[in-house]
């Protein structure tokens, strides 16, 4: 009789762990898709203007601030986020491949406020081809991340 009770409790525990693990996986994958989408948007902007522009930098900073503040009870540190671009500071020639990378912090089960070191970086990468033609593409200010 006691063995049946222990088996039932173990099964309930396993079901609860599978539900929590599945929920966390869905949250992490959807966050990863969001980061990947933003990284591709950075690369597309680089391709359009031939480099990393000031308006795109403002857009990325707004994304990072919004993402890091999305959990009011445990906001993430936006200083842990990182942006990397291949065409920083000035435009590149037409047909040149441009790349971007965006890394944002992610905490499993929000236990980061209790256990340090549980924060990982989710990284998204994007690629595009520069379509910048001097004199044809509108003038914009270029930036470095």
N, C-alpha and C. Protein backbone atom coordinates (compact mmCIF):
# COMPACT_ATOMS: atom_id res chain seq x y z
N UNK A 1 0.81 -1.19 0.00
CA UNK A 1 0.00 0.00 0.00
C UNK A 1 0.86 1.26 0.00
N UNK A 2 1.91 1.26 0.85
CA UNK A 2 2.79 2.42 0.93
C UNK A 2 3.57 2.59 -0.38
N UNK A 3 3.93 1.47 -1.01
CA UNK A 3 4.65 1.54 -2.28
C UNK A 3 3.79 2.18 -3.36
N UNK A 4 2.50 1.89 -3.37
CA UNK A 4 1.59 2.52 -4.34
C UNK A 4 1.50 4.02 -4.12
N UNK A 5 1.44 4.43 -2.86
CA UNK A 5 1.38 5.86 -2.54
C UNK A 5 2.66 6.56 -2.98
N UNK A 6 3.82 5.95 -2.71
CA UNK A 6 5.10 6.54 -3.13
C UNK A 6 5.18 6.64 -4.64
N UNK A 7 4.70 5.61 -5.34
CA UNK A 7 4.73 5.62 -6.80
C UNK A 7 3.82 6.74 -7.33
N UNK A 8 2.64 6.90 -6.73
CA UNK A 8 1.73 7.95 -7.16
C UNK A 8 2.34 9.33 -6.92
N UNK A 9 2.98 9.52 -5.78
CA UNK A 9 3.60 10.82 -5.48
C UNK A 9 4.76 11.11 -6.44
N UNK A 10 5.52 10.07 -6.76
CA UNK A 10 6.62 10.25 -7.70
C UNK A 10 6.08 10.61 -9.09
N UNK A 11 5.00 10.00 -9.50
CA UNK A 11 4.42 10.32 -10.80
C UNK A 11 3.88 11.76 -10.83
N UNK A 12 3.24 12.17 -9.74
CA UNK A 12 2.75 13.55 -9.66
C UNK A 12 3.92 14.52 -9.74
N UNK A 13 5.00 14.23 -9.02
CA UNK A 13 6.20 15.08 -9.05
C UNK A 13 6.77 15.15 -10.46
N UNK A 14 6.85 14.03 -11.15
CA UNK A 14 7.39 14.02 -12.50
C UNK A 14 6.51 14.82 -13.46
N UNK A 15 5.20 14.69 -13.33
CA UNK A 15 4.28 15.46 -14.18
C UNK A 15 4.46 16.96 -13.93
N UNK A 16 4.57 17.36 -12.68
CA UNK A 16 4.78 18.78 -12.36
C UNK A 16 6.10 19.26 -12.95
N UNK A 17 7.16 18.48 -12.84
CA UNK A 17 8.46 18.89 -13.38
C UNK A 17 8.42 18.99 -14.91
N UNK A 18 7.72 18.07 -15.56
CA UNK A 18 7.58 18.13 -17.02
C UNK A 18 6.81 19.39 -17.43
N UNK A 19 5.77 19.72 -16.69
CA UNK A 19 4.98 20.93 -17.01
C UNK A 19 5.84 22.18 -16.83
N UNK A 20 6.55 22.28 -15.70
CA UNK A 20 7.41 23.45 -15.48
C UNK A 20 8.53 23.53 -16.52
N UNK A 21 9.15 22.39 -16.81
CA UNK A 21 10.23 22.37 -17.80
C UNK A 21 9.72 22.74 -19.19
N UNK A 22 8.55 22.23 -19.56
CA UNK A 22 7.97 22.56 -20.86
C UNK A 22 7.61 24.03 -20.96
N UNK A 23 7.07 24.57 -19.88
CA UNK A 23 6.74 26.00 -19.87
C UNK A 23 7.98 26.85 -20.03
N UNK A 24 9.02 26.51 -19.31
CA UNK A 24 10.26 27.28 -19.41
C UNK A 24 10.87 27.16 -20.80
N UNK A 25 10.76 26.00 -21.42
CA UNK A 25 11.28 25.80 -22.77
C UNK A 25 10.52 26.68 -23.77
N UNK A 26 9.21 26.74 -23.63
CA UNK A 26 8.40 27.58 -24.52
C UNK A 26 8.80 29.05 -24.36
N UNK A 27 8.98 29.49 -23.12
CA UNK A 27 9.36 30.89 -22.86
C UNK A 27 10.74 31.17 -23.46
N UNK A 28 11.69 30.26 -23.26
CA UNK A 28 13.03 30.48 -23.77
C UNK A 28 13.06 30.49 -25.31
N UNK A 29 12.34 29.56 -25.93
CA UNK A 29 12.33 29.49 -27.40
C UNK A 29 11.65 30.74 -27.98
N UNK A 30 10.56 31.19 -27.39
CA UNK A 30 9.90 32.40 -27.92
C UNK A 30 10.77 33.62 -27.72
N UNK A 31 11.49 33.69 -26.61
CA UNK A 31 12.43 34.79 -26.40
C UNK A 31 13.57 34.72 -27.41
N UNK A 32 14.06 33.52 -27.67
CA UNK A 32 15.12 33.35 -28.65
C UNK A 32 14.66 33.78 -30.04
N UNK A 33 13.42 33.46 -30.41
CA UNK A 33 12.88 33.89 -31.70
C UNK A 33 12.81 35.42 -31.77
N UNK A 34 12.42 36.05 -30.67
CA UNK A 34 12.35 37.51 -30.63
C UNK A 34 13.73 38.13 -30.81
N UNK A 35 14.73 37.57 -30.15
CA UNK A 35 16.10 38.09 -30.26
C UNK A 35 16.62 37.87 -31.68
N UNK A 36 16.34 36.71 -32.27
CA UNK A 36 16.77 36.42 -33.63
C UNK A 36 16.12 37.40 -34.62
N UNK A 37 14.86 37.68 -34.41
CA UNK A 37 14.15 38.62 -35.28
C UNK A 37 14.75 40.02 -35.20
N UNK A 38 15.08 40.46 -33.99
CA UNK A 38 15.69 41.78 -33.82
C UNK A 38 17.08 41.82 -34.45
N UNK A 39 17.86 40.75 -34.32
CA UNK A 39 19.19 40.70 -34.94
C UNK A 39 19.09 40.77 -36.46
N UNK A 40 18.09 40.09 -37.02
CA UNK A 40 17.90 40.14 -38.48
C UNK A 40 17.45 41.53 -38.90
N UNK A 41 16.64 42.20 -38.08
CA UNK A 41 16.23 43.57 -38.40
C UNK A 41 17.43 44.51 -38.41
N UNK A 42 18.37 44.30 -37.50
CA UNK A 42 19.60 45.11 -37.48
C UNK A 42 20.37 44.88 -38.78
N UNK A 43 20.51 43.62 -39.18
CA UNK A 43 21.24 43.29 -40.41
C UNK A 43 20.55 43.88 -41.64
N UNK A 44 19.23 43.83 -41.68
CA UNK A 44 18.50 44.39 -42.82
C UNK A 44 18.71 45.91 -42.90
N UNK A 45 18.73 46.57 -41.75
CA UNK A 45 18.99 48.01 -41.74
C UNK A 45 20.41 48.30 -42.20
N UNK A 46 21.35 47.48 -41.73
CA UNK A 46 22.73 47.63 -42.20
C UNK A 46 22.81 47.46 -43.71
N UNK A 47 22.10 46.49 -44.24
CA UNK A 47 22.11 46.26 -45.68
C UNK A 47 21.51 47.43 -46.44
N UNK A 48 20.42 47.98 -45.93
CA UNK A 48 19.76 49.09 -46.61
C UNK A 48 20.63 50.34 -46.65
N UNK A 49 21.25 50.67 -45.52
CA UNK A 49 22.03 51.91 -45.43
C UNK A 49 23.54 51.68 -45.51
N UNK A 50 23.96 50.44 -45.65
CA UNK A 50 25.38 50.14 -45.79
C UNK A 50 26.15 50.11 -44.49
N UNK A 51 25.48 50.29 -43.36
CA UNK A 51 26.16 50.28 -42.07
C UNK A 51 25.18 50.44 -40.93
N UNK A 52 25.71 50.45 -39.73
CA UNK A 52 24.92 50.55 -38.51
C UNK A 52 24.62 52.03 -38.26
N UNK A 53 23.34 52.40 -38.31
CA UNK A 53 22.96 53.81 -38.25
C UNK A 53 22.50 54.22 -36.84
N UNK A 54 22.48 55.53 -36.62
CA UNK A 54 22.03 56.08 -35.33
C UNK A 54 20.56 55.72 -35.07
N UNK A 55 19.64 55.84 -36.06
CA UNK A 55 18.26 55.42 -35.78
C UNK A 55 18.14 53.94 -35.41
N UNK A 56 18.93 53.09 -36.06
CA UNK A 56 18.90 51.67 -35.71
C UNK A 56 19.46 51.44 -34.32
N UNK A 57 20.48 52.19 -33.94
CA UNK A 57 21.04 52.08 -32.60
C UNK A 57 19.99 52.45 -31.55
N UNK A 58 19.23 53.51 -31.81
CA UNK A 58 18.16 53.91 -30.89
C UNK A 58 17.09 52.81 -30.80
N UNK A 59 16.77 52.19 -31.93
CA UNK A 59 15.79 51.11 -31.95
C UNK A 59 16.28 49.91 -31.14
N UNK A 60 17.54 49.56 -31.27
CA UNK A 60 18.11 48.44 -30.54
C UNK A 60 18.13 48.74 -29.04
N UNK A 61 18.53 49.96 -28.67
CA UNK A 61 18.54 50.32 -27.26
C UNK A 61 17.14 50.26 -26.66
N UNK A 62 16.14 50.70 -27.42
CA UNK A 62 14.75 50.64 -26.94
C UNK A 62 14.32 49.18 -26.77
N UNK A 63 14.70 48.31 -27.72
CA UNK A 63 14.36 46.88 -27.61
C UNK A 63 15.00 46.28 -26.36
N UNK A 64 16.27 46.56 -26.13
CA UNK A 64 16.97 46.01 -24.97
C UNK A 64 16.35 46.53 -23.68
N UNK A 65 16.07 47.82 -23.61
CA UNK A 65 15.45 48.38 -22.40
C UNK A 65 14.09 47.78 -22.14
N UNK A 66 13.28 47.63 -23.19
CA UNK A 66 11.95 47.04 -23.04
C UNK A 66 12.05 45.58 -22.62
N UNK A 67 12.96 44.84 -23.26
CA UNK A 67 13.14 43.43 -22.93
C UNK A 67 13.60 43.25 -21.49
N UNK A 68 14.60 44.02 -21.07
CA UNK A 68 15.17 43.85 -19.73
C UNK A 68 14.21 44.30 -18.63
N UNK A 69 13.29 45.21 -18.94
CA UNK A 69 12.34 45.69 -17.94
C UNK A 69 11.01 44.96 -18.00
N UNK A 70 10.89 43.93 -18.86
CA UNK A 70 9.60 43.26 -19.05
C UNK A 70 9.12 42.53 -17.80
N UNK A 71 10.02 42.09 -16.94
CA UNK A 71 9.63 41.46 -15.68
C UNK A 71 9.87 42.46 -14.56
N UNK A 72 8.81 43.11 -14.12
CA UNK A 72 8.95 44.18 -13.13
C UNK A 72 9.48 43.68 -11.79
N UNK A 73 9.18 42.44 -11.42
CA UNK A 73 9.64 41.93 -10.13
C UNK A 73 11.12 41.57 -10.14
N UNK A 74 11.67 41.31 -11.32
CA UNK A 74 13.07 40.92 -11.42
C UNK A 74 13.65 41.45 -12.72
N UNK A 75 13.84 42.78 -12.83
CA UNK A 75 14.37 43.31 -14.08
C UNK A 75 15.80 42.83 -14.34
N UNK A 76 16.09 42.60 -15.60
CA UNK A 76 17.43 42.16 -16.00
C UNK A 76 18.31 43.37 -16.22
N UNK A 77 19.60 43.18 -16.11
CA UNK A 77 20.54 44.28 -16.28
C UNK A 77 20.80 44.49 -17.77
N UNK A 78 20.41 45.66 -18.32
CA UNK A 78 20.63 45.88 -19.75
C UNK A 78 22.11 46.00 -20.11
N UNK A 79 22.97 46.21 -19.12
CA UNK A 79 24.41 46.28 -19.40
C UNK A 79 24.97 44.91 -19.78
N UNK A 80 24.22 43.83 -19.50
CA UNK A 80 24.68 42.49 -19.88
C UNK A 80 24.36 42.18 -21.34
N UNK A 81 23.54 42.99 -21.97
CA UNK A 81 23.22 42.78 -23.39
C UNK A 81 24.39 43.29 -24.24
N UNK A 82 24.55 42.69 -25.41
CA UNK A 82 25.65 43.08 -26.30
C UNK A 82 25.16 43.10 -27.74
N UNK A 83 25.67 44.07 -28.50
CA UNK A 83 25.36 44.19 -29.92
C UNK A 83 26.68 44.16 -30.68
N UNK A 84 26.73 43.37 -31.74
CA UNK A 84 27.90 43.33 -32.60
C UNK A 84 27.47 43.47 -34.05
N UNK A 85 28.16 44.32 -34.78
CA UNK A 85 27.85 44.53 -36.19
C UNK A 85 29.14 44.53 -36.99
N UNK A 86 29.03 44.15 -38.27
CA UNK A 86 30.22 44.11 -39.11
C UNK A 86 30.50 45.45 -39.78
N UNK A 87 29.47 46.27 -39.94
CA UNK A 87 29.63 47.56 -40.64
C UNK A 87 29.33 48.69 -39.66
N UNK A 88 30.28 48.95 -38.78
CA UNK A 88 30.09 50.00 -37.77
C UNK A 88 30.86 51.26 -38.16
N UNK A 89 30.23 52.40 -37.96
CA UNK A 89 30.93 53.68 -38.12
C UNK A 89 30.85 54.30 -39.49
N UNK A 90 30.83 53.53 -40.54
CA UNK A 90 30.77 54.09 -41.89
C UNK A 90 30.17 53.05 -42.84
N UNK A 91 29.66 53.51 -43.99
CA UNK A 91 29.02 52.55 -44.91
C UNK A 91 30.04 51.65 -45.61
N UNK A 92 29.56 50.49 -46.01
CA UNK A 92 30.38 49.56 -46.79
C UNK A 92 29.87 49.55 -48.23
N UNK A 93 30.67 49.04 -49.13
CA UNK A 93 30.35 49.06 -50.56
C UNK A 93 29.16 48.18 -50.90
N UNK A 94 28.53 48.50 -52.00
CA UNK A 94 27.41 47.73 -52.53
C UNK A 94 27.82 46.27 -52.71
N UNK A 95 26.98 45.34 -52.28
CA UNK A 95 27.24 43.92 -52.47
C UNK A 95 28.04 43.27 -51.36
N UNK A 96 28.48 44.03 -50.39
CA UNK A 96 29.25 43.48 -49.28
C UNK A 96 28.30 42.84 -48.26
N UNK A 97 28.67 41.67 -47.76
CA UNK A 97 27.84 41.03 -46.74
C UNK A 97 28.02 41.75 -45.41
N UNK A 98 26.91 42.05 -44.75
CA UNK A 98 26.95 42.65 -43.41
C UNK A 98 26.28 41.69 -42.43
N UNK A 99 26.81 41.63 -41.23
CA UNK A 99 26.28 40.73 -40.22
C UNK A 99 26.01 41.48 -38.93
N UNK A 100 25.16 40.90 -38.12
CA UNK A 100 24.88 41.47 -36.80
C UNK A 100 24.69 40.34 -35.81
N UNK A 101 24.93 40.65 -34.55
CA UNK A 101 24.68 39.71 -33.46
C UNK A 101 24.12 40.50 -32.28
N UNK A 102 23.13 39.94 -31.65
CA UNK A 102 22.50 40.56 -30.49
C UNK A 102 22.40 39.51 -29.40
N UNK A 103 22.95 39.79 -28.23
CA UNK A 103 22.89 38.87 -27.09
C UNK A 103 22.18 39.57 -25.94
N UNK A 104 21.16 38.92 -25.39
CA UNK A 104 20.42 39.48 -24.26
C UNK A 104 20.39 38.45 -23.13
N UNK A 105 20.34 38.92 -21.87
CA UNK A 105 20.32 37.98 -20.74
C UNK A 105 18.98 37.27 -20.61
N UNK A 106 19.04 36.04 -20.12
CA UNK A 106 17.83 35.25 -19.87
C UNK A 106 18.05 34.44 -18.60
N UNK A 107 17.04 34.40 -17.72
CA UNK A 107 17.15 33.65 -16.47
C UNK A 107 16.13 32.51 -16.46
N UNK A 108 16.60 31.32 -16.09
CA UNK A 108 15.71 30.17 -15.98
C UNK A 108 14.83 30.29 -14.75
N UNK A 109 13.53 30.11 -14.94
CA UNK A 109 12.53 30.09 -13.87
C UNK A 109 12.61 31.30 -12.95
N UNK A 110 13.20 32.36 -13.42
CA UNK A 110 13.32 33.58 -12.61
C UNK A 110 14.01 33.32 -11.28
N UNK A 111 14.87 32.29 -11.22
CA UNK A 111 15.57 32.01 -9.97
C UNK A 111 16.86 32.80 -9.87
N UNK A 112 17.13 33.62 -10.87
CA UNK A 112 18.35 34.40 -10.85
C UNK A 112 18.43 35.36 -9.69
N UNK A 113 17.28 35.79 -9.17
CA UNK A 113 17.33 36.70 -8.03
C UNK A 113 17.71 35.96 -6.75
N UNK A 114 17.63 34.62 -6.77
CA UNK A 114 18.00 33.83 -5.61
C UNK A 114 19.35 33.12 -5.79
N UNK A 115 19.65 32.72 -7.00
CA UNK A 115 20.89 31.99 -7.28
C UNK A 115 21.70 32.74 -8.33
N UNK A 116 22.79 33.36 -7.95
CA UNK A 116 23.61 34.04 -8.96
C UNK A 116 24.23 33.04 -9.92
N UNK A 117 24.45 33.48 -11.14
CA UNK A 117 25.07 32.62 -12.14
C UNK A 117 24.08 31.83 -12.97
N UNK A 118 22.77 32.05 -12.79
CA UNK A 118 21.79 31.32 -13.58
C UNK A 118 21.39 32.09 -14.83
N UNK A 119 22.01 33.23 -15.05
CA UNK A 119 21.68 34.04 -16.22
C UNK A 119 22.53 33.58 -17.41
N UNK A 120 21.88 33.34 -18.54
CA UNK A 120 22.60 32.98 -19.75
C UNK A 120 22.32 34.05 -20.80
N UNK A 121 23.11 34.07 -21.85
CA UNK A 121 22.88 35.01 -22.94
C UNK A 121 22.25 34.27 -24.12
N UNK A 122 21.10 34.76 -24.56
CA UNK A 122 20.48 34.26 -25.79
C UNK A 122 21.01 35.13 -26.93
N UNK A 123 21.57 34.50 -27.95
CA UNK A 123 22.20 35.25 -29.02
C UNK A 123 21.48 35.02 -30.34
N UNK A 124 21.16 36.11 -31.00
CA UNK A 124 20.58 36.06 -32.33
C UNK A 124 21.57 36.62 -33.34
N UNK A 125 21.59 36.08 -34.53
CA UNK A 125 22.51 36.54 -35.58
C UNK A 125 21.72 36.84 -36.85
N UNK A 126 22.18 37.86 -37.57
CA UNK A 126 21.52 38.23 -38.82
C UNK A 126 22.54 38.51 -39.91
N UNK A 127 22.13 38.32 -41.16
CA UNK A 127 22.98 38.58 -42.34
C UNK A 127 22.17 39.33 -43.38
N UNK A 128 22.86 40.15 -44.13
CA UNK A 128 22.23 40.85 -45.24
C UNK A 128 23.34 41.25 -46.21
N UNK A 129 22.93 41.78 -47.34
CA UNK A 129 23.86 42.28 -48.35
C UNK A 129 23.65 43.78 -48.48
N UNK A 130 24.74 44.52 -48.48
CA UNK A 130 24.66 45.97 -48.56
C UNK A 130 24.13 46.41 -49.92
N UNK A 131 23.14 47.29 -49.89
CA UNK A 131 22.63 47.88 -51.13
C UNK A 131 22.92 49.38 -51.16
N UNK A 132 23.93 49.78 -50.38
CA UNK A 132 24.29 51.19 -50.28
C UNK A 132 24.99 51.67 -51.55
N UNK A 133 24.46 52.71 -52.14
CA UNK A 133 25.08 53.35 -53.30
C UNK A 133 25.24 54.83 -52.95
N UNK A 134 26.46 55.32 -52.89
CA UNK A 134 26.67 56.73 -52.53
C UNK A 134 25.91 57.66 -53.48
N UNK A 135 25.24 58.63 -52.90
CA UNK A 135 24.49 59.60 -53.69
C UNK A 135 23.07 59.17 -53.97
N UNK A 136 22.76 57.90 -53.88
CA UNK A 136 21.41 57.41 -54.13
C UNK A 136 20.69 57.12 -52.81
N UNK A 137 21.40 56.47 -51.91
CA UNK A 137 20.84 56.15 -50.60
C UNK A 137 20.79 57.43 -49.76
N UNK A 138 19.69 57.66 -49.06
CA UNK A 138 19.60 58.89 -48.25
C UNK A 138 20.74 58.98 -47.23
N UNK A 139 21.16 60.19 -46.93
CA UNK A 139 22.22 60.39 -45.96
C UNK A 139 21.71 60.12 -44.56
N UNK A 140 22.43 59.32 -43.83
CA UNK A 140 22.11 59.03 -42.43
C UNK A 140 23.40 59.08 -41.64
N UNK A 141 23.28 59.23 -40.32
CA UNK A 141 24.44 59.23 -39.45
C UNK A 141 24.77 57.78 -39.06
N UNK A 142 26.03 57.44 -39.08
CA UNK A 142 26.45 56.08 -38.75
C UNK A 142 26.98 56.04 -37.32
N UNK A 143 26.85 54.88 -36.70
CA UNK A 143 27.23 54.72 -35.29
C UNK A 143 28.01 53.44 -35.11
N UNK A 144 28.60 53.31 -33.93
CA UNK A 144 29.25 52.07 -33.50
C UNK A 144 28.57 51.61 -32.23
N UNK A 145 28.31 50.31 -32.10
CA UNK A 145 27.64 49.83 -30.88
C UNK A 145 28.53 49.95 -29.65
